[in-house]
Protein backbone atom coordinates (compact mmCIF):
# COMPACT_ATOMS: atom_id res chain seq x y z
CA MET A 1 73.65 -42.29 212.59
CA ASP A 2 71.38 -44.47 214.73
CA GLU A 3 67.78 -44.70 213.63
CA LEU A 4 65.58 -42.39 215.69
CA ILE A 5 62.75 -44.14 217.51
CA VAL A 6 59.85 -42.34 219.15
CA PRO A 7 56.91 -43.64 221.16
CA PRO A 8 54.01 -44.55 218.84
CA ILE A 9 51.06 -42.18 218.56
CA ARG A 10 47.62 -43.75 218.34
CA ARG A 11 45.02 -41.81 216.38
CA ILE A 12 41.37 -42.70 216.00
CA ASP A 13 39.54 -41.87 212.78
CA LEU A 14 35.87 -41.67 213.70
CA GLY A 15 34.90 -42.60 210.14
CA SER A 16 36.75 -45.89 210.09
CA ASP A 17 38.20 -48.58 212.33
CA PRO A 18 40.97 -47.43 214.71
CA ARG A 19 44.48 -47.84 213.36
CA VAL A 20 47.97 -47.48 214.80
CA VAL A 21 50.24 -44.93 213.14
CA GLU A 22 53.71 -46.43 212.80
CA PRO A 23 56.62 -44.71 214.58
CA GLN A 24 58.34 -42.08 212.45
CA THR A 25 61.98 -42.86 211.73
CA ASN A 26 62.86 -40.13 209.25
CA GLY A 27 64.34 -37.84 211.86
CA HIS A 28 61.19 -35.74 212.35
CA ARG A 29 59.28 -36.37 215.56
CA PRO A 30 55.60 -35.53 215.99
CA ALA A 31 55.10 -32.36 218.03
CA ALA A 32 53.50 -34.24 220.95
CA ALA A 33 56.66 -36.29 221.36
CA VAL A 34 59.20 -33.46 221.27
CA THR A 35 57.72 -30.79 223.51
CA LYS A 36 60.19 -31.03 226.36
CA ARG A 37 58.97 -29.48 229.59
CA ARG A 38 62.30 -30.21 231.25
CA PRO A 39 65.30 -28.13 230.10
CA ALA A 40 68.69 -29.83 229.91
CA ARG A 41 70.56 -29.43 233.20
CA PRO A 42 73.87 -30.71 234.57
CA ALA A 43 73.67 -33.71 236.87
CA GLY A 44 73.25 -32.91 240.57
CA SER A 45 74.74 -34.60 243.60
CA GLU A 46 73.84 -38.19 244.40
CA ARG A 47 71.04 -38.47 246.99
CA MET A 48 70.16 -42.15 246.93
CA THR A 49 72.31 -45.12 245.96
CA LEU A 50 71.00 -48.55 244.97
CA GLU A 51 73.55 -51.37 244.75
CA SER A 52 72.46 -54.83 243.60
CA LEU A 53 68.99 -54.15 245.00
CA GLY A 54 66.57 -57.05 244.95
CA VAL A 55 63.04 -57.53 246.27
CA ALA A 56 61.27 -60.88 246.59
CA TYR A 57 57.76 -61.78 247.69
CA GLY A 58 58.21 -65.34 248.89
CA SER A 59 59.51 -67.31 245.91
CA LYS A 60 58.68 -64.53 243.41
CA GLN A 61 61.58 -62.22 242.58
CA ALA A 62 59.98 -58.86 241.78
CA VAL A 63 63.18 -56.79 241.44
CA ARG A 64 66.54 -58.28 240.45
CA ASP A 65 70.01 -56.86 241.02
CA VAL A 66 69.26 -53.18 240.29
CA THR A 67 72.10 -50.69 240.59
CA LEU A 68 71.50 -46.99 239.96
CA GLU A 69 71.64 -43.59 241.66
CA VAL A 70 69.02 -40.91 242.31
CA ARG A 71 70.40 -37.41 241.84
CA ALA A 72 69.37 -34.06 243.22
CA GLY A 73 67.84 -31.66 240.71
CA GLU A 74 66.65 -34.30 238.27
CA VAL A 75 63.61 -36.32 237.26
CA LEU A 76 64.28 -40.06 236.97
CA ALA A 77 61.47 -41.89 235.14
CA LEU A 78 60.92 -45.63 235.60
CA ILE A 79 59.24 -47.16 232.54
CA GLY A 80 58.34 -50.69 231.46
CA PRO A 81 55.32 -52.96 230.99
CA SER A 82 52.93 -53.79 233.82
CA GLY A 83 54.35 -56.16 236.40
CA CYS A 84 57.99 -55.39 235.58
CA GLY A 85 58.87 -54.18 239.11
CA LYS A 86 58.68 -50.41 238.67
CA THR A 87 56.31 -49.71 241.55
CA THR A 88 57.98 -52.28 243.79
CA LEU A 89 61.31 -50.53 243.22
CA LEU A 90 59.74 -47.13 243.90
CA ARG A 91 58.10 -48.30 247.13
CA THR A 92 61.37 -49.81 248.29
CA LEU A 93 63.05 -46.41 248.29
CA ASN A 94 61.23 -45.42 251.49
CA ARG A 95 60.68 -48.94 252.85
CA LEU A 96 57.01 -49.24 251.98
CA THR A 97 57.53 -52.69 250.48
CA GLU A 98 58.33 -54.08 253.91
CA LEU A 99 54.68 -53.49 254.86
CA THR A 100 53.82 -56.39 252.53
CA PRO A 101 53.97 -59.75 254.38
CA GLY A 102 56.75 -61.95 253.07
CA ALA A 103 58.66 -59.19 251.29
CA VAL A 104 62.44 -59.54 251.52
CA ARG A 105 64.95 -56.94 250.36
CA SER A 106 68.55 -57.63 249.41
CA GLY A 107 71.45 -55.44 248.33
CA ARG A 108 72.28 -51.96 249.59
CA LEU A 109 70.10 -48.85 249.61
CA ALA A 110 71.48 -45.59 251.01
CA LEU A 111 70.26 -42.02 251.47
CA ASP A 112 73.05 -39.44 251.49
CA GLY A 113 75.48 -42.28 252.19
CA ASP A 114 73.55 -43.69 255.16
CA ASP A 115 72.03 -47.15 254.91
CA ILE A 116 68.26 -46.63 255.08
CA ASP A 117 67.92 -49.43 257.62
CA THR A 118 69.88 -47.31 260.10
CA LEU A 119 67.32 -44.48 259.80
CA GLU A 120 64.13 -44.34 261.83
CA VAL A 121 61.40 -45.23 259.34
CA THR A 122 59.23 -42.16 260.03
CA GLN A 123 62.22 -39.92 259.50
CA LEU A 124 63.08 -41.76 256.27
CA ARG A 125 59.56 -41.29 254.92
CA ARG A 126 59.69 -37.60 255.78
CA ARG A 127 62.89 -37.24 253.77
CA VAL A 128 61.69 -39.55 250.97
CA SER A 129 57.98 -38.79 250.48
CA MET A 130 55.58 -40.62 248.19
CA VAL A 131 52.50 -39.60 246.19
CA PHE A 132 50.32 -42.44 244.96
CA GLN A 133 48.52 -43.21 241.71
CA GLN A 134 45.04 -42.34 242.97
CA PRO A 135 44.68 -39.02 244.81
CA ASN A 136 44.13 -39.84 248.47
CA PRO A 137 43.31 -36.64 250.38
CA PHE A 138 42.15 -37.10 253.94
CA PRO A 139 38.43 -36.45 254.67
CA MET A 140 39.18 -33.07 256.21
CA SER A 141 39.77 -29.51 255.06
CA VAL A 142 42.43 -28.37 252.59
CA PHE A 143 44.28 -26.71 255.47
CA ASP A 144 44.21 -29.77 257.71
CA ASN A 145 45.40 -32.05 254.91
CA VAL A 146 48.61 -30.06 254.52
CA ALA A 147 48.93 -29.32 258.24
CA TYR A 148 48.74 -33.04 259.01
CA ALA A 149 52.36 -33.61 258.01
CA LEU A 150 53.48 -30.59 260.03
CA ARG A 151 51.62 -31.73 263.13
CA GLU A 152 53.08 -35.21 262.84
CA GLN A 153 56.59 -33.74 262.89
CA ALA A 154 56.01 -31.41 265.83
CA SER A 155 56.98 -32.42 269.36
CA ARG A 156 53.77 -30.82 270.64
CA ARG A 157 50.62 -29.84 268.77
CA PRO A 158 51.19 -26.43 267.09
CA ARG A 159 48.51 -23.77 266.94
CA ARG A 160 46.69 -23.15 263.67
CA GLY A 161 48.18 -19.69 263.39
CA ASP A 162 51.69 -21.11 263.55
CA LEU A 163 50.89 -23.49 260.72
CA ARG A 164 49.41 -21.01 258.26
CA ALA A 165 52.72 -19.86 256.76
CA PRO A 166 54.15 -23.36 256.10
CA VAL A 167 50.77 -24.55 254.79
CA GLU A 168 50.66 -21.62 252.38
CA GLN A 169 54.23 -22.29 251.29
CA ALA A 170 53.47 -25.96 250.54
CA LEU A 171 50.32 -25.06 248.59
CA ARG A 172 52.25 -22.46 246.59
CA ARG A 173 54.98 -24.97 245.77
CA ALA A 174 52.30 -27.39 244.59
CA GLY A 175 50.73 -24.68 242.40
CA LEU A 176 47.44 -24.80 244.27
CA TRP A 177 47.41 -21.66 246.41
CA ASP A 178 45.73 -19.39 243.84
CA GLU A 179 42.84 -21.86 243.57
CA VAL A 180 42.23 -22.66 247.24
CA GLY A 181 43.95 -19.92 249.25
CA ASP A 182 40.76 -17.93 249.81
CA ASN A 183 38.99 -20.90 251.45
CA LEU A 184 41.37 -23.23 253.25
CA ASP A 185 38.45 -24.75 255.17
CA HIS A 186 37.01 -26.15 251.92
CA PRO A 187 36.58 -29.97 252.14
CA ALA A 188 39.44 -31.61 250.29
CA LEU A 189 37.19 -34.34 248.89
CA ARG A 190 35.19 -31.70 247.00
CA LEU A 191 38.19 -30.59 244.95
CA SER A 192 38.61 -31.78 241.37
CA GLY A 193 40.79 -34.82 240.70
CA GLY A 194 43.72 -32.71 239.52
CA GLN A 195 43.41 -30.41 242.53
CA GLN A 196 43.27 -33.39 244.89
CA GLN A 197 46.48 -34.79 243.41
CA ARG A 198 48.23 -31.44 243.80
CA LEU A 199 46.94 -31.27 247.37
CA CYS A 200 48.54 -34.66 248.02
CA ILE A 201 51.78 -33.31 246.55
CA ALA A 202 51.49 -30.25 248.82
CA ARG A 203 50.98 -32.55 251.81
CA ALA A 204 54.15 -34.44 250.86
CA LEU A 205 56.08 -31.20 250.31
CA ALA A 206 55.05 -29.82 253.70
CA ALA A 207 57.44 -32.33 255.29
CA LYS A 208 60.28 -30.77 253.23
CA PRO A 209 61.49 -34.00 251.63
CA GLU A 210 64.77 -34.41 249.78
CA VAL A 211 63.36 -37.03 247.40
CA LEU A 212 59.81 -37.10 246.00
CA LEU A 213 58.42 -40.43 244.74
CA LEU A 214 55.50 -40.34 242.30
CA ASP A 215 53.63 -43.50 241.32
CA GLU A 216 51.81 -42.73 238.05
CA PRO A 217 50.47 -39.45 239.46
CA CYS A 218 48.62 -38.51 236.25
CA SER A 219 47.04 -41.84 235.31
CA ALA A 220 43.61 -40.87 236.70
CA LEU A 221 43.67 -37.28 235.41
CA ASP A 222 42.42 -35.52 232.28
CA PRO A 223 44.95 -34.03 229.78
CA ILE A 224 44.69 -30.49 231.18
CA SER A 225 45.31 -31.63 234.76
CA THR A 226 48.13 -33.86 233.51
CA ALA A 227 49.85 -30.89 231.87
CA VAL A 228 49.58 -28.91 235.12
CA ILE A 229 51.11 -31.79 237.12
CA GLU A 230 53.91 -32.22 234.57
CA ASP A 231 54.78 -28.52 234.79
CA LEU A 232 54.76 -28.82 238.58
CA ILE A 233 57.11 -31.82 238.50
CA VAL A 234 59.56 -29.90 236.32
CA GLN A 235 59.51 -26.97 238.75
CA LEU A 236 59.97 -29.19 241.80
CA ALA A 237 62.93 -30.99 240.22
CA SER A 238 64.95 -27.80 240.53
CA GLU A 239 64.61 -28.11 244.32
CA LEU A 240 64.80 -31.86 245.03
CA ALA A 241 65.18 -35.29 243.43
CA VAL A 242 62.09 -36.73 241.74
CA VAL A 243 61.51 -40.38 240.83
CA ILE A 244 58.36 -41.09 238.81
CA VAL A 245 56.79 -44.33 237.60
CA THR A 246 54.88 -43.82 234.36
CA HIS A 247 53.35 -45.95 231.62
CA ASN A 248 53.18 -42.87 229.40
CA MET A 249 56.39 -42.89 227.38
CA GLN A 250 55.73 -39.46 225.90
CA GLN A 251 55.33 -38.12 229.43
CA ALA A 252 58.68 -39.65 230.39
CA HIS A 253 60.22 -38.05 227.31
CA ARG A 254 58.71 -34.64 228.15
CA ILE A 255 59.73 -34.37 231.80
CA ALA A 256 62.56 -36.79 232.56
CA ASP A 257 66.28 -36.14 232.68
CA ARG A 258 67.05 -39.85 232.85
CA VAL A 259 64.95 -42.91 232.06
CA ALA A 260 65.29 -46.43 233.48
CA PHE A 261 63.65 -49.20 231.44
CA MET A 262 62.71 -52.26 233.49
CA TYR A 263 61.59 -55.67 232.26
CA LEU A 264 60.76 -58.75 234.35
CA GLY A 265 62.29 -57.14 237.42
CA GLU A 266 65.59 -56.28 235.74
CA LEU A 267 67.04 -52.88 234.90
CA VAL A 268 67.58 -53.31 231.16
CA GLU A 269 68.74 -49.81 230.29
CA LEU A 270 69.47 -46.51 232.03
CA GLY A 271 70.30 -43.29 230.24
CA SER A 272 69.15 -39.82 229.31
CA ALA A 273 65.62 -39.49 227.94
CA GLU A 274 67.08 -38.51 224.58
CA GLN A 275 69.34 -41.56 224.47
CA VAL A 276 66.77 -44.12 225.65
CA PHE A 277 64.09 -42.93 223.21
CA GLY A 278 66.38 -41.81 220.41
CA ALA A 279 69.17 -44.42 220.36
CA PRO A 280 68.39 -47.31 222.74
CA ARG A 281 71.34 -49.64 223.25
CA GLN A 282 69.38 -52.78 224.10
CA GLN A 283 67.04 -54.56 221.69
CA ARG A 284 64.40 -55.02 224.41
CA THR A 285 64.40 -51.27 225.00
CA ARG A 286 64.13 -50.60 221.26
CA ASP A 287 61.18 -52.99 220.98
CA TYR A 288 59.39 -51.43 223.96
CA VAL A 289 59.76 -47.76 223.01
CA SER A 290 58.77 -48.53 219.42
CA GLY A 291 55.53 -50.12 220.64
CA SER A 292 56.34 -53.72 219.72
CA PHE A 293 55.15 -54.87 223.17
CA GLY A 294 53.97 -53.54 226.51
């Protein structure tokens, strides 16, 4: 039986110098590493297809020859050390990388079988929405933040009354309605960090995307807000495809169906969360998830 490897847990003893607790390999994982928020589910249909995808910024190759699929009803986590191409790959899925001067994409990238370059970019970004690392609500009310996406889609400016139902639906899907529903005119910038991030998710959901991209959505949040966001991601994955970049390997283990490990722009290993963390096939993956580098 393959040796079981789990992400290392770092504990600080206030009475002595900090030390790193070595990964357990006796078959018993620490509770923090095994609490799966995401139940095992059968694979869904393929929504996005990446074939030999590459991204270069001038002479620098940021992503090299990546082939994988994004499936409906699953969470795909992209892990790897800083600068390995995770965020570049994520931003490429809805053509945000092309906003960077000098960026060149190669290979094939399709949404529901259609090459993304044949789709109008605004339509693509409605279908493949992104939430960024730092919460970025607009300096307007909670209502207007969510309604913004709806107004952008409308052929003529809808009335506020016509927007209330879809705004409420998006806030409910983002798990925020019970906290803000009684005062939708509340300034978004006065919400807590966790609430602001869920508001940004609600704004993305208002456009009714098929794929939701999340770039380290919990990195700026406290543990309680992180747990709320993780539960939300698990719920949303039953409705659409989710791709998340995370540096938190235990988070990837908790919420992901599949995990893609990237290193120096290459896709080193792709498999179920249990396989990648429990029985990695590649030595570089084994070294990374055991805490040897990164």
